[in-house]
Amino acid sequence: MKKILITGGAGYIGSHTILEILENTNWEVVSADNFLNSSASTFDRIEKISGKRIRNYNVDLRNLISTKKIFEAEGKIDGVIHFAALKAVGESVERPLWYYDNNFNSLLSILRCCRDFNVPDLIFSSSCSIYGNVDHLPVDENTALGEAESPYAHTKAVGEDMLRHFVKTSPTRVISLRYFNPVGAHKTGQIGENPINKPNNLVPVITQTAAGINEKMWVHGNDYKTRDGSCIRDYIHVTDIADAHIKALQYLQGNKNSQPIEFYNLGTGNGISVLEAIDMFEEISGLKLNFEMGPRRPGDVEAIYSDSTLAKNRLGWETKFGLKEMMQTAWKWQQEISSK
């Protein structure tokens, strides 16, 4: 049985990936999460859905000594999926040093442990934000990386550079998955995105406003050169993102990679504007959102969506869910936590 360490296992994408692994493989899963922006109750929810209790190490991954103790305690680890990172664009603009400290030093600890404990495979959680403002759409893996519009984006771009150098001196094989905009929740409505602090991502802002947690929401900018003036993003269901991690690990385990590090975009290929996302939520919920147009937000790019042909052809990965399912599951999750 393969043993997989997931860093940030109580987080949004990490928790959904754990569930997909439990439901679709025979791998053993171990988590490392210090609940900086997540909750320990996530593991209760995972157990309620799957019937399995996940072993978690409450460790700050910036601390190399503490991180090494995970690998020493677990013995042979067959793969690491490294989610653990701070990820809010706006917050990173306000607190850049915190982002550089956390995202760089946690990755360094993981890479040192992969080297020292002979971990064969590593999946890195990257982001489409590394492309910046692009000259043409859709974006594929050959698109030149632009200037990072936020410290968060910069940590992901530099993280990929760290990995490029790392594989030159380590036998660990690496896949970097560049997510576009993960949204939605598990089909049961039992887990989903629930940031400890004020949410920065669009869909939890929408659902919290609909639930009355926020009096109103702001649309950041209505003067972009897009079809309705609002930013355009490639929203993708979190379960589809989770499935890609399984397929990426299976790809490496099957020795199908041609390079020691490979990069893949994960998106639907369909650009959706902020206002279109709001319209879809209002349609599925029957509610009218209280929102206002505001100024542009520092760090935001105008429009970006993916060409994910490479992931389809090599990893055998395709998206299964559309915007309607994304909004339905996100709203189901919001109603679940609002009822507590």
Protein backbone atom coordinates (compact mmCIF):
# COMPACT_ATOMS: atom_id res chain seq x y z
CA MET A 1 0.00 0.00 0.00
CA LYS A 2 1.34 3.42 -0.99
CA LYS A 3 1.61 6.05 1.74
CA ILE A 4 0.95 9.66 0.70
CA LEU A 5 1.69 12.72 2.83
CA ILE A 6 -0.60 15.65 2.18
CA THR A 7 0.52 18.99 3.57
CA GLY A 8 -2.38 21.31 4.30
CA GLY A 9 -4.72 18.33 4.58
CA ALA A 10 -7.36 20.27 6.50
CA GLY A 11 -7.40 23.01 3.88
CA TYR A 12 -9.87 23.49 1.08
CA ILE A 13 -8.21 21.55 -1.74
CA GLY A 14 -6.27 19.27 0.60
CA SER A 15 -9.39 17.94 2.32
CA HIS A 16 -11.15 17.25 -0.98
CA THR A 17 -8.06 15.48 -2.29
CA ILE A 18 -7.96 13.28 0.81
CA LEU A 19 -11.57 12.28 0.20
CA GLU A 20 -10.96 11.52 -3.47
CA ILE A 21 -7.96 9.37 -2.54
CA LEU A 22 -9.97 7.49 0.10
CA GLU A 23 -12.84 6.92 -2.33
CA ASN A 24 -10.82 5.98 -5.41
CA THR A 25 -7.51 4.37 -4.36
CA ASN A 26 -6.08 2.00 -1.75
CA TRP A 27 -3.42 4.53 -0.66
CA GLU A 28 -2.84 5.37 2.98
CA VAL A 29 -3.08 9.11 3.65
CA VAL A 30 -1.27 11.12 6.32
CA SER A 31 -1.74 14.86 6.80
CA ALA A 32 0.39 17.73 8.10
CA ASP A 33 -1.61 20.84 8.96
CA ASN A 34 -1.15 23.40 11.76
CA PHE A 35 -4.62 24.93 11.20
CA LEU A 36 -3.30 28.39 10.38
CA ASN A 37 -6.18 28.92 7.97
CA SER A 38 -8.22 25.76 8.49
CA SER A 39 -9.99 23.84 11.22
CA ALA A 40 -9.30 20.53 12.96
CA SER A 41 -13.02 19.76 12.60
CA THR A 42 -12.37 19.11 8.90
CA PHE A 43 -11.01 15.69 9.84
CA ASP A 44 -14.25 14.94 11.70
CA ARG A 45 -16.15 15.77 8.51
CA ILE A 46 -13.85 13.59 6.41
CA GLU A 47 -14.41 10.72 8.84
CA LYS A 48 -18.18 11.25 8.71
CA ILE A 49 -18.14 10.96 4.91
CA SER A 50 -15.54 8.23 4.46
CA GLY A 51 -15.63 6.32 7.73
CA LYS A 52 -11.84 6.74 8.00
CA ARG A 53 -9.84 8.81 10.48
CA ILE A 54 -6.87 10.69 9.07
CA ARG A 55 -3.70 10.94 11.12
CA ASN A 56 -2.58 14.58 11.21
CA TYR A 57 0.62 16.20 12.43
CA ASN A 58 0.05 19.69 13.85
CA VAL A 59 3.36 21.02 12.58
CA ASP A 60 4.59 24.35 11.25
CA LEU A 61 6.41 23.21 8.13
CA ARG A 62 8.77 26.16 8.29
CA ASN A 63 10.42 24.30 11.16
CA LEU A 64 12.69 21.73 9.53
CA ILE A 65 13.31 19.74 12.72
CA SER A 66 9.57 19.33 13.35
CA THR A 67 8.95 18.45 9.71
CA LYS A 68 11.65 15.77 9.75
CA LYS A 69 9.94 14.14 12.72
CA ILE A 70 6.91 13.43 10.51
CA PHE A 71 9.04 11.52 8.04
CA GLU A 72 10.92 9.71 10.82
CA ALA A 73 7.66 8.65 12.49
CA GLU A 74 5.98 7.48 9.27
CA GLY A 75 8.82 5.53 7.74
CA LYS A 76 8.63 5.12 3.98
CA ILE A 77 6.55 7.83 2.29
CA ASP A 78 5.80 7.13 -1.38
CA GLY A 79 4.61 10.58 -2.37
CA VAL A 80 4.02 14.09 -1.09
CA ILE A 81 1.30 16.47 -2.24
CA HIS A 82 2.35 19.91 -1.04
CA PHE A 83 -0.69 22.15 -0.64
CA ALA A 84 0.33 24.02 2.52
CA ALA A 85 0.72 27.71 1.64
CA LEU A 86 -0.87 31.07 2.17
CA LYS A 87 -2.95 31.86 -0.90
CA ALA A 88 -4.95 35.12 -0.76
CA VAL A 89 -3.86 37.63 -3.41
CA GLY A 90 -5.08 40.74 -1.58
CA GLU A 91 -3.65 39.64 1.75
CA SER A 92 -0.28 38.95 0.13
CA VAL A 93 -0.17 42.53 -1.15
CA GLU A 94 -0.78 43.77 2.39
CA ARG A 95 1.57 41.29 4.11
CA PRO A 96 4.27 40.29 1.61
CA LEU A 97 6.95 39.24 4.10
CA TRP A 98 4.57 36.82 5.81
CA TYR A 99 3.85 35.20 2.46
CA TYR A 100 7.51 34.91 1.51
CA ASP A 101 8.41 33.47 4.92
CA ASN A 102 5.63 30.89 4.99
CA ASN A 103 5.51 29.77 1.38
CA PHE A 104 9.25 29.60 0.74
CA ASN A 105 10.39 28.10 4.04
CA SER A 106 7.67 25.44 4.17
CA LEU A 107 8.58 24.33 0.65
CA LEU A 108 12.28 24.24 1.58
CA SER A 109 11.54 21.95 4.51
CA ILE A 110 9.51 19.60 2.33
CA LEU A 111 12.21 19.46 -0.36
CA ARG A 112 14.92 18.73 2.19
CA CYS A 113 12.83 15.90 3.62
CA CYS A 114 12.04 14.50 0.17
CA ARG A 115 15.79 14.42 -0.48
CA ASP A 116 16.85 13.03 2.91
CA PHE A 117 14.09 10.41 3.12
CA ASN A 118 14.18 9.31 -0.54
CA VAL A 119 10.61 10.28 -1.43
CA PRO A 120 10.14 9.32 -5.09
CA ASP A 121 7.28 11.64 -6.09
CA LEU A 122 6.17 15.18 -5.27
CA ILE A 123 3.12 17.09 -6.51
CA PHE A 124 3.38 20.87 -6.07
CA SER A 125 0.36 23.13 -5.73
CA SER A 126 1.01 26.00 -8.14
CA SER A 127 -1.24 28.67 -9.63
CA CYS A 128 -2.28 30.31 -12.88
CA SER A 129 -1.35 33.61 -11.23
CA ILE A 130 2.26 33.00 -12.29
CA TYR A 131 1.25 33.90 -15.88
CA GLY A 132 0.33 37.47 -14.89
CA ASN A 133 -1.45 39.60 -17.48
CA VAL A 134 -1.09 37.66 -20.73
CA ASP A 135 -1.10 38.80 -24.36
CA HIS A 136 -3.22 35.94 -25.66
CA LEU A 137 -5.81 33.50 -24.37
CA PRO A 138 -6.24 30.70 -23.57
CA VAL A 139 -3.07 30.10 -21.58
CA ASP A 140 -1.11 26.90 -22.12
CA GLU A 141 2.07 25.61 -20.51
CA ASN A 142 4.23 27.27 -23.17
CA THR A 143 2.83 30.73 -22.43
CA ALA A 144 5.61 32.97 -21.15
CA LEU A 145 5.37 33.72 -17.45
CA GLY A 146 4.61 37.39 -16.93
CA GLU A 147 5.45 39.74 -14.11
CA ALA A 148 3.85 38.54 -10.89
CA GLU A 149 0.98 40.84 -9.95
CA SER A 150 1.12 39.89 -6.26
CA PRO A 151 3.55 38.46 -3.69
CA TYR A 152 1.41 35.31 -3.64
CA ALA A 153 1.92 34.82 -7.38
CA HIS A 154 5.63 35.51 -6.94
CA THR A 155 5.95 32.78 -4.28
CA LYS A 156 4.46 30.26 -6.71
CA ALA A 157 6.71 31.34 -9.59
CA VAL A 158 9.82 31.20 -7.41
CA GLY A 159 8.59 27.91 -5.93
CA GLU A 160 8.60 26.42 -9.43
CA ASP A 161 12.15 27.73 -9.97
CA MET A 162 13.20 26.08 -6.70
CA LEU A 163 11.77 22.81 -7.97
CA ARG A 164 13.56 23.12 -11.32
CA HIS A 165 16.89 23.37 -9.50
CA PHE A 166 15.94 20.72 -6.94
CA VAL A 167 15.32 17.95 -9.49
CA LYS A 168 18.81 18.46 -10.96
CA THR A 169 20.35 17.06 -7.78
CA SER A 170 17.56 14.81 -6.46
CA PRO A 171 15.92 11.62 -7.76
CA THR A 172 12.50 12.91 -6.63
CA ARG A 173 10.18 13.38 -9.61
CA VAL A 174 7.98 16.47 -9.58
CA ILE A 175 4.74 17.62 -11.17
CA SER A 176 3.63 21.20 -10.71
CA LEU A 177 -0.11 21.67 -11.15
CA ARG A 178 -1.08 25.21 -12.07
CA TYR A 179 -4.65 25.66 -10.83
CA PHE A 180 -6.96 28.23 -12.24
CA ASN A 181 -9.82 29.08 -9.82
CA PRO A 182 -11.02 26.18 -7.64
CA VAL A 183 -14.58 26.62 -6.34
CA GLY A 184 -17.49 24.48 -5.17
CA ALA A 185 -17.66 21.83 -2.47
CA HIS A 186 -17.97 18.08 -1.95
CA LYS A 187 -21.17 16.59 -3.32
CA THR A 188 -22.36 15.77 0.22
CA GLY A 189 -22.17 19.41 1.28
CA GLN A 190 -20.14 18.27 4.30
CA ILE A 191 -16.82 19.93 3.42
CA GLY A 192 -15.99 23.02 1.40
CA GLU A 193 -14.15 26.31 1.47
CA ASN A 194 -14.38 27.90 4.90
CA PRO A 195 -11.47 30.29 5.50
CA ILE A 196 -10.80 31.23 9.12
CA ASN A 197 -10.27 34.84 8.16
CA LYS A 198 -12.31 37.08 5.87
CA PRO A 199 -12.55 35.32 2.48
CA ASN A 200 -10.82 36.83 -0.54
CA ASN A 201 -12.05 34.37 -3.15
CA LEU A 202 -15.22 35.15 -5.08
CA VAL A 203 -17.47 32.16 -4.36
CA PRO A 204 -17.23 32.13 -0.54
CA VAL A 205 -17.79 35.89 -0.64
CA ILE A 206 -20.94 35.25 -2.70
CA THR A 207 -22.26 32.49 -0.44
CA GLN A 208 -21.50 34.36 2.78
CA THR A 209 -23.32 37.40 1.43
CA ALA A 210 -26.30 35.26 0.46
CA ALA A 211 -26.30 33.70 3.94
CA GLY A 212 -26.38 37.13 5.57
CA ILE A 213 -22.89 36.85 7.08
CA ASN A 214 -21.84 39.85 4.99
CA GLU A 215 -24.22 42.74 4.50
CA LYS A 216 -23.06 43.20 0.92
CA MET A 217 -20.23 42.29 -1.41
CA TRP A 218 -18.07 44.31 -3.77
CA VAL A 219 -17.20 43.57 -7.36
CA HIS A 220 -13.62 44.75 -7.70
CA GLY A 221 -13.59 46.72 -10.94
CA ASN A 222 -16.11 47.21 -13.74
CA ASP A 223 -13.82 48.97 -16.22
CA TYR A 224 -11.70 46.07 -17.44
CA LYS A 225 -11.57 45.40 -21.20
CA THR A 226 -13.86 42.40 -20.89
CA ARG A 227 -17.38 41.71 -22.16
CA ASP A 228 -19.05 43.16 -19.04
CA GLY A 229 -16.18 45.13 -17.45
CA SER A 230 -15.50 42.64 -14.63
CA CYS A 231 -12.54 40.27 -14.33
CA ILE A 232 -12.69 36.95 -16.16
CA ARG A 233 -11.50 33.73 -14.54
CA ASP A 234 -11.51 30.01 -15.26
CA TYR A 235 -13.55 28.53 -12.40
CA ILE A 236 -13.05 24.81 -11.83
CA HIS A 237 -14.75 22.47 -9.38
CA VAL A 238 -12.53 21.52 -6.44
CA THR A 239 -13.34 17.83 -6.92
CA ASP A 240 -11.94 18.01 -10.44
CA ILE A 241 -8.78 19.61 -9.02
CA ALA A 242 -8.53 16.84 -6.40
CA ASP A 243 -8.87 14.16 -9.08
CA ALA A 244 -5.96 15.69 -11.00
CA HIS A 245 -3.64 15.07 -8.05
CA ILE A 246 -4.48 11.38 -8.04
CA LYS A 247 -3.89 11.13 -11.77
CA ALA A 248 -0.61 13.06 -11.49
CA LEU A 249 0.71 10.69 -8.81
CA GLN A 250 -0.41 7.64 -10.77
CA TYR A 251 1.34 9.07 -13.84
CA LEU A 252 4.62 9.34 -11.93
CA GLN A 253 4.17 5.94 -10.26
CA GLY A 254 3.78 4.46 -13.73
CA ASN A 255 7.08 6.06 -14.82
CA LYS A 256 5.28 7.87 -17.62
CA ASN A 257 7.06 11.19 -17.14
CA SER A 258 9.63 12.18 -19.73
CA GLN A 259 11.21 14.94 -17.63
CA PRO A 260 12.16 15.08 -13.92
CA ILE A 261 9.74 18.00 -13.54
CA GLU A 262 6.62 18.62 -15.62
CA PHE A 263 4.01 21.38 -15.53
CA TYR A 264 0.27 21.15 -16.16
CA ASN A 265 -2.55 23.66 -16.28
CA LEU A 266 -5.79 22.71 -14.54
CA GLY A 267 -8.80 24.61 -15.82
CA THR A 268 -12.02 24.15 -17.78
CA GLY A 269 -10.95 26.35 -20.69
CA ASN A 270 -14.06 28.46 -20.16
CA GLY A 271 -13.64 32.07 -19.04
CA ILE A 272 -16.41 33.30 -16.71
CA SER A 273 -16.73 36.91 -15.57
CA VAL A 274 -17.40 37.90 -11.98
CA LEU A 275 -20.84 39.20 -12.95
CA GLU A 276 -21.67 35.97 -14.82
CA ALA A 277 -20.71 33.96 -11.73
CA ILE A 278 -23.05 36.12 -9.65
CA ASP A 279 -25.84 35.59 -12.19
CA MET A 280 -25.39 31.81 -12.00
CA PHE A 281 -25.53 31.84 -8.21
CA GLU A 282 -28.72 33.90 -8.26
CA GLU A 283 -30.21 31.44 -10.74
CA ILE A 284 -29.47 28.29 -8.71
CA SER A 285 -30.34 29.80 -5.32
CA GLY A 286 -33.34 31.94 -6.26
CA LEU A 287 -31.79 34.77 -4.24
CA LYS A 288 -30.82 38.29 -5.19
CA LEU A 289 -27.34 39.22 -4.03
CA ASN A 290 -26.63 42.60 -2.49
CA PHE A 291 -23.51 43.74 -4.34
CA GLU A 292 -21.95 46.99 -5.48
CA MET A 293 -19.33 47.89 -8.04
CA GLY A 294 -16.06 49.08 -6.56
CA PRO A 295 -12.54 50.01 -7.71
CA ARG A 296 -10.04 47.50 -9.02
CA ARG A 297 -8.22 45.41 -6.41
CA PRO A 298 -4.40 45.49 -6.35
CA GLY A 299 -2.88 42.23 -7.59
CA ASP A 300 -5.79 41.16 -9.83
CA VAL A 301 -5.21 40.32 -13.48
CA GLU A 302 -7.82 41.29 -16.07
CA ALA A 303 -8.63 37.94 -17.67
CA ILE A 304 -7.21 34.45 -17.71
CA TYR A 305 -8.43 30.99 -18.67
CA SER A 306 -6.75 27.73 -19.49
CA ASP A 307 -5.87 25.42 -22.31
CA SER A 308 -5.63 22.13 -20.37
CA THR A 309 -5.06 19.88 -23.37
CA LEU A 310 -1.70 18.69 -22.03
CA ALA A 311 -3.23 17.40 -18.78
CA LYS A 312 -5.92 15.61 -20.78
CA ASN A 313 -3.49 13.96 -23.17
CA ARG A 314 -0.79 12.95 -20.70
CA LEU A 315 -2.53 12.55 -17.35
CA GLY A 316 -5.86 11.37 -18.73
CA TRP A 317 -7.60 14.12 -16.77
CA GLU A 318 -10.78 15.94 -17.73
CA THR A 319 -13.21 18.15 -15.82
CA LYS A 320 -16.60 16.66 -14.95
CA PHE A 321 -18.43 19.62 -13.41
CA GLY A 322 -19.69 22.93 -14.78
CA LEU A 323 -20.41 26.32 -13.21
CA LYS A 324 -23.90 25.28 -12.16
CA GLU A 325 -22.60 22.35 -10.09
CA MET A 326 -19.89 24.57 -8.64
CA MET A 327 -22.46 27.05 -7.35
CA GLN A 328 -24.93 24.37 -6.21
CA THR A 329 -22.36 22.53 -4.09
CA ALA A 330 -20.85 25.75 -2.71
CA TRP A 331 -24.31 26.93 -1.62
CA LYS A 332 -25.12 23.52 -0.13
CA TRP A 333 -21.93 23.74 1.93
CA GLN A 334 -22.65 27.30 3.04
CA GLN A 335 -26.12 26.28 4.21
CA GLU A 336 -24.57 23.35 6.11
CA ILE A 337 -22.16 25.53 8.10
CA SER A 338 -24.64 28.37 8.55
CA SER A 339 -27.10 25.99 10.17
CA LYS A 340 -24.68 25.08 12.97
